[in-house]
C-alpha atoms as a PDB file:
ATOM      1  CA  UNK A   1      16.866   0.932  -2.218  1.00  0.00           C
ATOM      2  CA  UNK A   2      13.122   1.491  -2.503  1.00  0.00           C
ATOM      3  CA  UNK A   3      12.489  -2.021  -3.811  1.00  0.00           C
ATOM      4  CA  UNK A   4      14.486  -3.534  -0.958  1.00  0.00           C
ATOM      5  CA  UNK A   5      12.659  -1.424   1.637  1.00  0.00           C
ATOM      6  CA  UNK A   6       9.228  -2.330   0.284  1.00  0.00           C
ATOM      7  CA  UNK A   7       9.996  -6.041   0.538  1.00  0.00           C
ATOM      8  CA  UNK A   8       9.712  -5.698   4.333  1.00  0.00           C
ATOM      9  CA  UNK A   9       6.296  -4.014   4.194  1.00  0.00           C
ATOM     10  CA  UNK A  10       3.306  -6.128   5.107  1.00  0.00           C
ATOM     11  CA  UNK A  11      -0.318  -4.997   5.023  1.00  0.00           C
ATOM     12  CA  UNK A  12      -2.012  -4.836   8.374  1.00  0.00           C
ATOM     13  CA  UNK A  13      -4.793  -3.384  10.446  1.00  0.00           C
ATOM     14  CA  UNK A  14      -4.943   0.399   9.929  1.00  0.00           C
ATOM     15  CA  UNK A  15      -5.177   1.109  13.675  1.00  0.00           C
ATOM     16  CA  UNK A  16      -2.108  -0.990  14.517  1.00  0.00           C
ATOM     17  CA  UNK A  17       0.836   1.436  14.972  1.00  0.00           C
ATOM     18  CA  UNK A  18       3.243  -1.127  13.510  1.00  0.00           C
ATOM     19  CA  UNK A  19       1.330  -1.291  10.218  1.00  0.00           C
ATOM     20  CA  UNK A  20       3.336   0.246   7.384  1.00  0.00           C
ATOM     21  CA  UNK A  21       0.733  -0.097   4.628  1.00  0.00           C
ATOM     22  CA  UNK A  22      -3.008  -0.683   4.710  1.00  0.00           C
ATOM     23  CA  UNK A  23      -4.961  -3.167   2.679  1.00  0.00           C
ATOM     24  CA  UNK A  24      -6.715  -2.454  -0.602  1.00  0.00           C
ATOM     25  CA  UNK A  25     -10.393  -2.972   0.136  1.00  0.00           C
ATOM     26  CA  UNK A  26     -11.990  -3.238  -3.294  1.00  0.00           C
ATOM     27  CA  UNK A  27     -11.438  -2.866  -7.032  1.00  0.00           C
ATOM     28  CA  UNK A  28     -12.235   0.873  -6.982  1.00  0.00           C
ATOM     29  CA  UNK A  29      -9.579   1.424  -4.310  1.00  0.00           C
ATOM     30  CA  UNK A  30      -7.042  -0.597  -6.323  1.00  0.00           C
ATOM     31  CA  UNK A  31      -7.808   1.409  -9.470  1.00  0.00           C
ATOM     32  CA  UNK A  32      -7.356   4.663  -7.561  1.00  0.00           C
ATOM     33  CA  UNK A  33      -3.964   3.568  -6.220  1.00  0.00           C
ATOM     34  CA  UNK A  34      -2.842   2.425  -9.668  1.00  0.00           C
ATOM     35  CA  UNK A  35      -3.868   5.813 -11.114  1.00  0.00           C
ATOM     36  CA  UNK A  36      -1.664   7.582  -8.558  1.00  0.00           C
ATOM     37  CA  UNK A  37       1.244   5.290  -9.415  1.00  0.00           C
ATOM     38  CA  UNK A  38       0.792   5.956 -13.147  1.00  0.00           C
ATOM     39  CA  UNK A  39       0.645   9.718 -12.527  1.00  0.00           C
ATOM     40  CA  UNK A  40       3.894   9.552 -10.583  1.00  0.00           C
END
């Protein structure tokens, strides 16, 4: 169910109320997100 739900998510502008997920802005941000995923 999670995989199917995430397929509809699209990155967008963080101030747009319809945005479900923000963009990754640089390599450090990506690494941080990947660390949280690995910890989970």
